[in-house]
All heavy atoms as atom14 arrays in JSON, in Angstrom:
{
  "sequence": "ASGTILRLNVMGWYRQAPGNKRELVASETSSGGTNYAGSVKGRF",
  "atom14_mask": [
    [1, 1, 1, 1, 1, 0, 0, 0, 0, 0, 0, 0, 0, 0],
    [1, 1, 1, 1, 1, 1, 0, 0, 0, 0, 0, 0, 0, 0],
    [1, 1, 1, 1, 0, 0, 0, 0, 0, 0, 0, 0, 0, 0],
    [1, 1, 1, 1, 1, 1, 1, 0, 0, 0, 0, 0, 0, 0],
    [1, 1, 1, 1, 1, 1, 1, 1, 0, 0, 0, 0, 0, 0],
    [1, 1, 1, 1, 1, 1, 1, 1, 0, 0, 0, 0, 0, 0],
    [1, 1, 1, 1, 1, 1, 1, 1, 1, 1, 1, 0, 0, 0],
    [1, 1, 1, 1, 1, 1, 1, 1, 0, 0, 0, 0, 0, 0],
    [1, 1, 1, 1, 1, 1, 1, 1, 0, 0, 0, 0, 0, 0],
    [1, 1, 1, 1, 1, 1, 1, 0, 0, 0, 0, 0, 0, 0],
    [1, 1, 1, 1, 1, 1, 1, 1, 0, 0, 0, 0, 0, 0],
    [1, 1, 1, 1, 0, 0, 0, 0, 0, 0, 0, 0, 0, 0],
    [1, 1, 1, 1, 1, 1, 1, 1, 1, 1, 1, 1, 1, 1],
    [1, 1, 1, 1, 1, 1, 1, 1, 1, 1, 1, 1, 0, 0],
    [1, 1, 1, 1, 1, 1, 1, 1, 1, 1, 1, 0, 0, 0],
    [1, 1, 1, 1, 1, 1, 1, 1, 1, 0, 0, 0, 0, 0],
    [1, 1, 1, 1, 1, 0, 0, 0, 0, 0, 0, 0, 0, 0],
    [1, 1, 1, 1, 1, 1, 1, 0, 0, 0, 0, 0, 0, 0],
    [1, 1, 1, 1, 0, 0, 0, 0, 0, 0, 0, 0, 0, 0],
    [1, 1, 1, 1, 1, 1, 1, 1, 0, 0, 0, 0, 0, 0],
    [1, 1, 1, 1, 1, 1, 1, 1, 1, 0, 0, 0, 0, 0],
    [1, 1, 1, 1, 1, 1, 1, 1, 1, 1, 1, 0, 0, 0],
    [1, 1, 1, 1, 1, 1, 1, 1, 1, 0, 0, 0, 0, 0],
    [1, 1, 1, 1, 1, 1, 1, 1, 0, 0, 0, 0, 0, 0],
    [1, 1, 1, 1, 1, 1, 1, 0, 0, 0, 0, 0, 0, 0],
    [1, 1, 1, 1, 1, 0, 0, 0, 0, 0, 0, 0, 0, 0],
    [1, 1, 1, 1, 1, 1, 0, 0, 0, 0, 0, 0, 0, 0],
    [1, 1, 1, 1, 1, 1, 1, 1, 1, 0, 0, 0, 0, 0],
    [1, 1, 1, 1, 1, 1, 1, 0, 0, 0, 0, 0, 0, 0],
    [1, 1, 1, 1, 1, 1, 0, 0, 0, 0, 0, 0, 0, 0],
    [1, 1, 1, 1, 1, 1, 0, 0, 0, 0, 0, 0, 0, 0],
    [1, 1, 1, 1, 0, 0, 0, 0, 0, 0, 0, 0, 0, 0],
    [1, 1, 1, 1, 0, 0, 0, 0, 0, 0, 0, 0, 0, 0],
    [1, 1, 1, 1, 1, 1, 1, 0, 0, 0, 0, 0, 0, 0],
    [1, 1, 1, 1, 1, 1, 1, 1, 0, 0, 0, 0, 0, 0],
    [1, 1, 1, 1, 1, 1, 1, 1, 1, 1, 1, 1, 0, 0],
    [1, 1, 1, 1, 1, 0, 0, 0, 0, 0, 0, 0, 0, 0],
    [1, 1, 1, 1, 0, 0, 0, 0, 0, 0, 0, 0, 0, 0],
    [1, 1, 1, 1, 1, 1, 0, 0, 0, 0, 0, 0, 0, 0],
    [1, 1, 1, 1, 1, 1, 1, 0, 0, 0, 0, 0, 0, 0],
    [1, 1, 1, 1, 1, 1, 1, 1, 1, 0, 0, 0, 0, 0],
    [1, 1, 1, 1, 0, 0, 0, 0, 0, 0, 0, 0, 0, 0],
    [1, 1, 1, 1, 1, 1, 1, 1, 1, 1, 1, 0, 0, 0],
    [1, 1, 1, 1, 1, 1, 1, 1, 1, 1, 1, 0, 0, 0]
  ],
  "atom14_positions": [
    [[-1.26, 38.62, 98.7], [-1.81, 39.55, 99.69], [-2.07, 40.9, 99.02], [-1.29, 41.34, 98.18], [-0.85, 39.71, 100.85], [0.0, 0.0, 0.0], [0.0, 0.0, 0.0], [0.0, 0.0, 0.0], [0.0, 0.0, 0.0], [0.0, 0.0, 0.0], [0.0, 0.0, 0.0], [0.0, 0.0, 0.0], [0.0, 0.0, 0.0], [0.0, 0.0, 0.0]],
    [[-3.16, 41.53, 99.43], [-3.49, 42.85, 98.91], [-4.08, 43.68, 100.03], [-4.38, 43.17, 101.11], [-4.48, 42.74, 97.74], [-5.68, 42.14, 98.16], [0.0, 0.0, 0.0], [0.0, 0.0, 0.0], [0.0, 0.0, 0.0], [0.0, 0.0, 0.0], [0.0, 0.0, 0.0], [0.0, 0.0, 0.0], [0.0, 0.0, 0.0], [0.0, 0.0, 0.0]],
    [[-4.27, 44.96, 99.76], [-4.8, 45.85, 100.78], [-3.72, 46.73, 101.37], [-2.74, 47.05, 100.7], [0.0, 0.0, 0.0], [0.0, 0.0, 0.0], [0.0, 0.0, 0.0], [0.0, 0.0, 0.0], [0.0, 0.0, 0.0], [0.0, 0.0, 0.0], [0.0, 0.0, 0.0], [0.0, 0.0, 0.0], [0.0, 0.0, 0.0], [0.0, 0.0, 0.0]],
    [[-3.9, 47.11, 102.62], [-2.94, 47.99, 103.29], [-1.82, 47.13, 103.85], [-1.94, 46.54, 104.91], [-3.62, 48.78, 104.41], [-4.73, 49.5, 103.86], [-2.62, 49.75, 105.05], [0.0, 0.0, 0.0], [0.0, 0.0, 0.0], [0.0, 0.0, 0.0], [0.0, 0.0, 0.0], [0.0, 0.0, 0.0], [0.0, 0.0, 0.0], [0.0, 0.0, 0.0]],
    [[-0.74, 47.07, 103.12], [0.4, 46.23, 103.49], [1.58, 47.11, 103.84], [2.04, 47.88, 103.02], [0.76, 45.25, 102.36], [-0.4, 44.3, 102.1], [2.03, 44.47, 102.72], [-0.24, 43.43, 100.9], [0.0, 0.0, 0.0], [0.0, 0.0, 0.0], [0.0, 0.0, 0.0], [0.0, 0.0, 0.0], [0.0, 0.0, 0.0], [0.0, 0.0, 0.0]],
    [[2.02, 46.99, 105.07], [3.21, 47.71, 105.51], [4.4, 46.76, 105.5], [5.39, 46.99, 104.83], [2.98, 48.29, 106.91], [1.8, 49.25, 107.01], [1.6, 49.69, 108.45], [2.01, 50.44, 106.1], [0.0, 0.0, 0.0], [0.0, 0.0, 0.0], [0.0, 0.0, 0.0], [0.0, 0.0, 0.0], [0.0, 0.0, 0.0], [0.0, 0.0, 0.0]],
    [[4.26, 45.69, 106.28], [5.29, 44.67, 106.29], [4.66, 43.37, 106.8], [4.17, 43.34, 107.93], [6.46, 45.05, 107.19], [7.57, 44.01, 107.22], [8.71, 44.43, 108.11], [9.79, 43.45, 108.12], [10.89, 43.58, 108.85], [11.06, 44.63, 109.61], [11.83, 42.65, 108.81], [0.0, 0.0, 0.0], [0.0, 0.0, 0.0], [0.0, 0.0, 0.0]],
    [[4.67, 42.38, 105.97], [4.14, 41.07, 106.36], [5.27, 40.29, 107.02], [6.13, 39.74, 106.36], [3.58, 40.34, 105.15], [2.4, 41.04, 104.48], [2.02, 40.35, 103.18], [1.21, 41.11, 105.42], [0.0, 0.0, 0.0], [0.0, 0.0, 0.0], [0.0, 0.0, 0.0], [0.0, 0.0, 0.0], [0.0, 0.0, 0.0], [0.0, 0.0, 0.0]],
    [[5.25, 40.28, 108.34], [6.36, 39.68, 109.08], [6.5, 38.19, 108.77], [7.61, 37.67, 108.63], [6.15, 39.87, 110.57], [6.02, 41.33, 110.94], [4.93, 41.86, 111.04], [7.14, 42.0, 111.1], [0.0, 0.0, 0.0], [0.0, 0.0, 0.0], [0.0, 0.0, 0.0], [0.0, 0.0, 0.0], [0.0, 0.0, 0.0], [0.0, 0.0, 0.0]],
    [[5.35, 37.52, 108.7], [5.35, 36.08, 108.43], [4.26, 35.78, 107.42], [3.16, 36.36, 107.48], [5.09, 35.26, 109.71], [5.14, 33.76, 109.41], [6.08, 35.62, 110.81], [0.0, 0.0, 0.0], [0.0, 0.0, 0.0], [0.0, 0.0, 0.0], [0.0, 0.0, 0.0], [0.0, 0.0, 0.0], [0.0, 0.0, 0.0], [0.0, 0.0, 0.0]],
    [[4.55, 34.93, 106.49], [3.54, 34.37, 105.6], [3.7, 32.87, 105.63], [4.83, 32.35, 105.74], [3.69, 34.89, 104.17], [3.47, 36.38, 104.02], [3.43, 36.92, 102.3], [1.75, 36.42, 101.83], [0.0, 0.0, 0.0], [0.0, 0.0, 0.0], [0.0, 0.0, 0.0], [0.0, 0.0, 0.0], [0.0, 0.0, 0.0], [0.0, 0.0, 0.0]],
    [[2.58, 32.18, 105.55], [2.69, 30.74, 105.65], [1.45, 30.01, 105.19], [0.51, 30.62, 104.68], [0.0, 0.0, 0.0], [0.0, 0.0, 0.0], [0.0, 0.0, 0.0], [0.0, 0.0, 0.0], [0.0, 0.0, 0.0], [0.0, 0.0, 0.0], [0.0, 0.0, 0.0], [0.0, 0.0, 0.0], [0.0, 0.0, 0.0], [0.0, 0.0, 0.0]],
    [[1.49, 28.71, 105.39], [0.41, 27.83, 105.0], [0.05, 26.91, 106.17], [0.94, 26.36, 106.84], [0.82, 26.98, 103.81], [1.02, 27.77, 102.56], [2.19, 28.31, 102.11], [0.01, 28.12, 101.61], [1.97, 28.99, 100.94], [0.65, 28.88, 100.61], [-1.35, 27.87, 101.5], [-0.04, 29.4, 99.51], [-2.03, 28.38, 100.41], [-1.39, 29.13, 99.43]],
    [[-1.23, 26.77, 106.37], [-1.78, 25.81, 107.32], [-2.69, 24.87, 106.53], [-3.08, 25.17, 105.41], [-2.58, 26.51, 108.4], [-1.75, 27.24, 109.43], [-1.02, 28.38, 109.09], [-1.68, 26.8, 110.75], [-0.26, 29.05, 110.03], [-0.92, 27.46, 111.71], [-0.21, 28.58, 111.33], [0.55, 29.24, 112.27], [0.0, 0.0, 0.0], [0.0, 0.0, 0.0]],
    [[-3.03, 23.75, 107.14], [-4.0, 22.86, 106.51], [-4.89, 22.24, 107.57], [-4.53, 22.12, 108.73], [-3.29, 21.77, 105.7], [-2.51, 20.77, 106.54], [-1.72, 19.82, 105.63], [-0.96, 18.84, 106.38], [-0.1, 17.99, 105.84], [0.1, 17.99, 104.52], [0.55, 17.12, 106.6], [0.0, 0.0, 0.0], [0.0, 0.0, 0.0], [0.0, 0.0, 0.0]],
    [[-6.07, 21.85, 107.1], [-7.03, 21.21, 107.99], [-7.71, 20.09, 107.24], [-8.41, 20.32, 106.24], [-8.06, 22.21, 108.5], [-8.98, 21.64, 109.55], [-9.79, 22.71, 110.26], [-9.92, 23.84, 109.78], [-10.33, 22.38, 111.41], [0.0, 0.0, 0.0], [0.0, 0.0, 0.0], [0.0, 0.0, 0.0], [0.0, 0.0, 0.0], [0.0, 0.0, 0.0]],
    [[-7.48, 18.88, 107.72], [-8.13, 17.7, 107.16], [-9.43, 17.45, 107.92], [-9.56, 17.89, 109.07], [-7.21, 16.5, 107.25], [0.0, 0.0, 0.0], [0.0, 0.0, 0.0], [0.0, 0.0, 0.0], [0.0, 0.0, 0.0], [0.0, 0.0, 0.0], [0.0, 0.0, 0.0], [0.0, 0.0, 0.0], [0.0, 0.0, 0.0], [0.0, 0.0, 0.0]],
    [[-10.38, 16.76, 107.32], [-11.65, 16.49, 108.01], [-11.43, 15.81, 109.36], [-10.7, 14.83, 109.46], [-12.37, 15.55, 107.03], [-11.83, 15.9, 105.7], [-10.38, 16.24, 105.95], [0.0, 0.0, 0.0], [0.0, 0.0, 0.0], [0.0, 0.0, 0.0], [0.0, 0.0, 0.0], [0.0, 0.0, 0.0], [0.0, 0.0, 0.0], [0.0, 0.0, 0.0]],
    [[-12.04, 16.38, 110.39], [-11.92, 15.81, 111.72], [-10.67, 16.19, 112.47], [-10.5, 15.77, 113.63], [0.0, 0.0, 0.0], [0.0, 0.0, 0.0], [0.0, 0.0, 0.0], [0.0, 0.0, 0.0], [0.0, 0.0, 0.0], [0.0, 0.0, 0.0], [0.0, 0.0, 0.0], [0.0, 0.0, 0.0], [0.0, 0.0, 0.0], [0.0, 0.0, 0.0]],
    [[-9.8, 16.94, 111.81], [-8.54, 17.33, 112.44], [-8.5, 18.82, 112.73], [-9.25, 19.6, 112.14], [-7.36, 16.96, 111.54], [-7.14, 15.47, 111.44], [-7.84, 14.69, 112.08], [-6.17, 15.08, 110.64], [0.0, 0.0, 0.0], [0.0, 0.0, 0.0], [0.0, 0.0, 0.0], [0.0, 0.0, 0.0], [0.0, 0.0, 0.0], [0.0, 0.0, 0.0]],
    [[-7.58, 19.19, 113.6], [-7.36, 20.6, 113.87], [-6.51, 21.2, 112.74], [-5.78, 20.5, 112.05], [-6.64, 20.77, 115.21], [-7.44, 20.35, 116.41], [-6.65, 20.58, 117.69], [-7.46, 20.18, 118.92], [-6.69, 20.39, 120.18], [0.0, 0.0, 0.0], [0.0, 0.0, 0.0], [0.0, 0.0, 0.0], [0.0, 0.0, 0.0], [0.0, 0.0, 0.0]],
    [[-6.62, 22.5, 112.6], [-5.76, 23.19, 111.63], [-4.32, 23.13, 112.13], [-4.06, 23.37, 113.32], [-6.21, 24.63, 111.47], [-5.57, 25.35, 110.31], [-6.17, 26.74, 110.1], [-7.59, 26.66, 109.75], [-8.3, 27.73, 109.36], [-7.72, 28.91, 109.26], [-9.58, 27.6, 109.06], [0.0, 0.0, 0.0], [0.0, 0.0, 0.0], [0.0, 0.0, 0.0]],
    [[-3.42, 22.82, 111.22], [-2.02, 22.68, 111.62], [-1.11, 23.46, 110.68], [-1.42, 23.64, 109.5], [-1.6, 21.2, 111.6], [-1.67, 20.54, 110.24], [-1.16, 19.1, 110.23], [-0.79, 18.58, 111.3], [-1.14, 18.51, 109.13], [0.0, 0.0, 0.0], [0.0, 0.0, 0.0], [0.0, 0.0, 0.0], [0.0, 0.0, 0.0], [0.0, 0.0, 0.0]],
    [[0.01, 23.88, 111.23], [1.0, 24.59, 110.42], [1.64, 23.62, 109.44], [2.03, 22.51, 109.81], [2.08, 25.19, 111.32], [3.28, 25.81, 110.6], [2.88, 27.09, 109.89], [4.42, 26.07, 111.58], [0.0, 0.0, 0.0], [0.0, 0.0, 0.0], [0.0, 0.0, 0.0], [0.0, 0.0, 0.0], [0.0, 0.0, 0.0], [0.0, 0.0, 0.0]],
    [[1.77, 24.06, 108.19], [2.5, 23.29, 107.2], [3.89, 23.89, 107.03], [4.89, 23.21, 107.14], [1.76, 23.29, 105.85], [2.58, 22.56, 104.79], [0.37, 22.68, 106.0], [0.0, 0.0, 0.0], [0.0, 0.0, 0.0], [0.0, 0.0, 0.0], [0.0, 0.0, 0.0], [0.0, 0.0, 0.0], [0.0, 0.0, 0.0], [0.0, 0.0, 0.0]],
    [[3.93, 25.19, 106.75], [5.21, 25.86, 106.55], [5.0, 27.36, 106.68], [3.91, 27.87, 106.39], [5.8, 25.54, 105.18], [0.0, 0.0, 0.0], [0.0, 0.0, 0.0], [0.0, 0.0, 0.0], [0.0, 0.0, 0.0], [0.0, 0.0, 0.0], [0.0, 0.0, 0.0], [0.0, 0.0, 0.0], [0.0, 0.0, 0.0], [0.0, 0.0, 0.0]],
    [[6.04, 28.05, 107.11], [5.98, 29.51, 107.19], [7.34, 30.09, 106.86], [8.37, 29.4, 106.96], [5.53, 29.96, 108.58], [6.48, 29.57, 109.56], [0.0, 0.0, 0.0], [0.0, 0.0, 0.0], [0.0, 0.0, 0.0], [0.0, 0.0, 0.0], [0.0, 0.0, 0.0], [0.0, 0.0, 0.0], [0.0, 0.0, 0.0], [0.0, 0.0, 0.0]],
    [[7.31, 31.35, 106.47], [8.55, 32.04, 106.14], [8.46, 33.47, 106.63], [7.46, 34.16, 106.41], [8.83, 32.02, 104.63], [10.16, 32.67, 104.26], [10.56, 32.42, 102.82], [9.93, 31.59, 102.15], [11.52, 33.07, 102.36], [0.0, 0.0, 0.0], [0.0, 0.0, 0.0], [0.0, 0.0, 0.0], [0.0, 0.0, 0.0], [0.0, 0.0, 0.0]],
    [[9.5, 33.93, 107.28], [9.55, 35.31, 107.76], [9.97, 36.24, 106.62], [10.44, 35.79, 105.57], [10.54, 35.45, 108.92], [11.86, 35.23, 108.43], [10.23, 34.44, 110.02], [0.0, 0.0, 0.0], [0.0, 0.0, 0.0], [0.0, 0.0, 0.0], [0.0, 0.0, 0.0], [0.0, 0.0, 0.0], [0.0, 0.0, 0.0], [0.0, 0.0, 0.0]],
    [[9.84, 37.52, 106.87], [10.22, 38.5, 105.86], [11.72, 38.48, 105.58], [12.16, 38.93, 104.52], [9.79, 39.91, 106.29], [10.34, 40.22, 107.55], [0.0, 0.0, 0.0], [0.0, 0.0, 0.0], [0.0, 0.0, 0.0], [0.0, 0.0, 0.0], [0.0, 0.0, 0.0], [0.0, 0.0, 0.0], [0.0, 0.0, 0.0], [0.0, 0.0, 0.0]],
    [[12.5, 37.95, 106.5], [13.95, 37.88, 106.3], [14.4, 36.53, 105.76], [15.59, 36.29, 105.57], [14.67, 38.15, 107.63], [14.25, 37.23, 108.62], [0.0, 0.0, 0.0], [0.0, 0.0, 0.0], [0.0, 0.0, 0.0], [0.0, 0.0, 0.0], [0.0, 0.0, 0.0], [0.0, 0.0, 0.0], [0.0, 0.0, 0.0], [0.0, 0.0, 0.0]],
    [[13.44, 35.64, 105.49], [13.77, 34.38, 104.84], [13.86, 33.16, 105.73], [14.14, 32.06, 105.24], [0.0, 0.0, 0.0], [0.0, 0.0, 0.0], [0.0, 0.0, 0.0], [0.0, 0.0, 0.0], [0.0, 0.0, 0.0], [0.0, 0.0, 0.0], [0.0, 0.0, 0.0], [0.0, 0.0, 0.0], [0.0, 0.0, 0.0], [0.0, 0.0, 0.0]],
    [[13.62, 33.31, 107.01], [13.64, 32.16, 107.89], [12.42, 31.28, 107.65], [11.32, 31.78, 107.5], [0.0, 0.0, 0.0], [0.0, 0.0, 0.0], [0.0, 0.0, 0.0], [0.0, 0.0, 0.0], [0.0, 0.0, 0.0], [0.0, 0.0, 0.0], [0.0, 0.0, 0.0], [0.0, 0.0, 0.0], [0.0, 0.0, 0.0], [0.0, 0.0, 0.0]],
    [[12.63, 29.98, 107.59], [11.53, 29.06, 107.3], [11.32, 28.07, 108.43], [12.23, 27.76, 109.21], [11.79, 28.27, 106.0], [13.02, 27.55, 106.11], [11.85, 29.21, 104.81], [0.0, 0.0, 0.0], [0.0, 0.0, 0.0], [0.0, 0.0, 0.0], [0.0, 0.0, 0.0], [0.0, 0.0, 0.0], [0.0, 0.0, 0.0], [0.0, 0.0, 0.0]],
    [[10.1, 27.56, 108.47], [9.72, 26.56, 109.47], [8.78, 25.59, 108.78], [7.85, 26.02, 108.09], [9.03, 27.26, 110.65], [8.68, 26.29, 111.75], [9.41, 25.34, 112.0], [7.58, 26.52, 112.43], [0.0, 0.0, 0.0], [0.0, 0.0, 0.0], [0.0, 0.0, 0.0], [0.0, 0.0, 0.0], [0.0, 0.0, 0.0], [0.0, 0.0, 0.0]],
    [[9.01, 24.3, 108.97], [8.2, 23.28, 108.32], [7.68, 22.28, 109.35], [8.36, 21.95, 110.33], [9.02, 22.49, 107.3], [9.42, 23.26, 106.08], [10.64, 23.93, 106.02], [8.58, 23.32, 104.97], [11.02, 24.64, 104.89], [8.95, 24.02, 103.83], [10.16, 24.67, 103.8], [10.52, 25.37, 102.67], [0.0, 0.0, 0.0], [0.0, 0.0, 0.0]],
    [[6.5, 21.77, 109.09], [6.01, 20.62, 109.86], [6.89, 19.43, 109.51], [7.32, 19.27, 108.36], [4.56, 20.33, 109.5], [0.0, 0.0, 0.0], [0.0, 0.0, 0.0], [0.0, 0.0, 0.0], [0.0, 0.0, 0.0], [0.0, 0.0, 0.0], [0.0, 0.0, 0.0], [0.0, 0.0, 0.0], [0.0, 0.0, 0.0], [0.0, 0.0, 0.0]],
    [[7.12, 18.58, 110.5], [7.97, 17.42, 110.26], [7.46, 16.53, 109.15], [8.25, 15.92, 108.42], [0.0, 0.0, 0.0], [0.0, 0.0, 0.0], [0.0, 0.0, 0.0], [0.0, 0.0, 0.0], [0.0, 0.0, 0.0], [0.0, 0.0, 0.0], [0.0, 0.0, 0.0], [0.0, 0.0, 0.0], [0.0, 0.0, 0.0], [0.0, 0.0, 0.0]],
    [[6.15, 16.46, 109.01], [5.56, 15.54, 108.03], [5.78, 15.98, 106.59], [5.58, 15.19, 105.67], [4.07, 15.4, 108.3], [3.42, 16.65, 108.21], [0.0, 0.0, 0.0], [0.0, 0.0, 0.0], [0.0, 0.0, 0.0], [0.0, 0.0, 0.0], [0.0, 0.0, 0.0], [0.0, 0.0, 0.0], [0.0, 0.0, 0.0], [0.0, 0.0, 0.0]],
    [[6.18, 17.23, 106.38], [6.35, 17.72, 105.01], [7.79, 18.08, 104.68], [8.1, 18.4, 103.53], [5.45, 18.93, 104.72], [3.99, 18.63, 105.08], [5.92, 20.19, 105.43], [0.0, 0.0, 0.0], [0.0, 0.0, 0.0], [0.0, 0.0, 0.0], [0.0, 0.0, 0.0], [0.0, 0.0, 0.0], [0.0, 0.0, 0.0], [0.0, 0.0, 0.0]],
    [[8.67, 18.03, 105.65], [10.08, 18.36, 105.41], [10.66, 17.48, 104.32], [10.46, 16.27, 104.32], [10.88, 18.21, 106.69], [10.79, 19.38, 107.64], [11.7, 19.2, 108.84], [11.61, 20.38, 109.79], [12.44, 20.18, 111.0], [0.0, 0.0, 0.0], [0.0, 0.0, 0.0], [0.0, 0.0, 0.0], [0.0, 0.0, 0.0], [0.0, 0.0, 0.0]],
    [[11.36, 18.12, 103.4], [11.96, 17.38, 102.3], [11.04, 17.18, 101.12], [11.48, 16.78, 100.05], [0.0, 0.0, 0.0], [0.0, 0.0, 0.0], [0.0, 0.0, 0.0], [0.0, 0.0, 0.0], [0.0, 0.0, 0.0], [0.0, 0.0, 0.0], [0.0, 0.0, 0.0], [0.0, 0.0, 0.0], [0.0, 0.0, 0.0], [0.0, 0.0, 0.0]],
    [[9.76, 17.45, 101.3], [8.79, 17.29, 100.21], [8.18, 18.63, 99.79], [7.9, 18.84, 98.61], [7.66, 16.34, 100.62], [8.13, 14.95, 100.99], [6.94, 14.01, 101.2], [6.08, 14.42, 102.31], [4.78, 14.68, 102.17], [4.19, 14.58, 101.01], [4.06, 15.02, 103.24], [0.0, 0.0, 0.0], [0.0, 0.0, 0.0], [0.0, 0.0, 0.0]],
    [[7.95, 19.51, 100.74], [7.33, 20.8, 100.47], [8.39, 21.9, 100.6], [9.28, 21.82, 101.45], [6.22, 21.09, 101.46], [5.0, 20.21, 101.33], [4.98, 19.09, 100.5], [3.85, 20.51, 102.05], [3.86, 18.3, 100.39], [2.71, 19.73, 101.95], [2.72, 18.61, 101.13], [0.0, 0.0, 0.0], [0.0, 0.0, 0.0], [0.0, 0.0, 0.0]]
  ]
}
């Protein structure tokens, strides 16, 4: 990330496969809390 950055509360990754909606893959808060899609837990 670049530009005017004060505090990025959450950073994460989404993905979109052809014909599918964009979905959350994983995210992390500024304090270290994480969230994963069930399909990637244990692998990502």
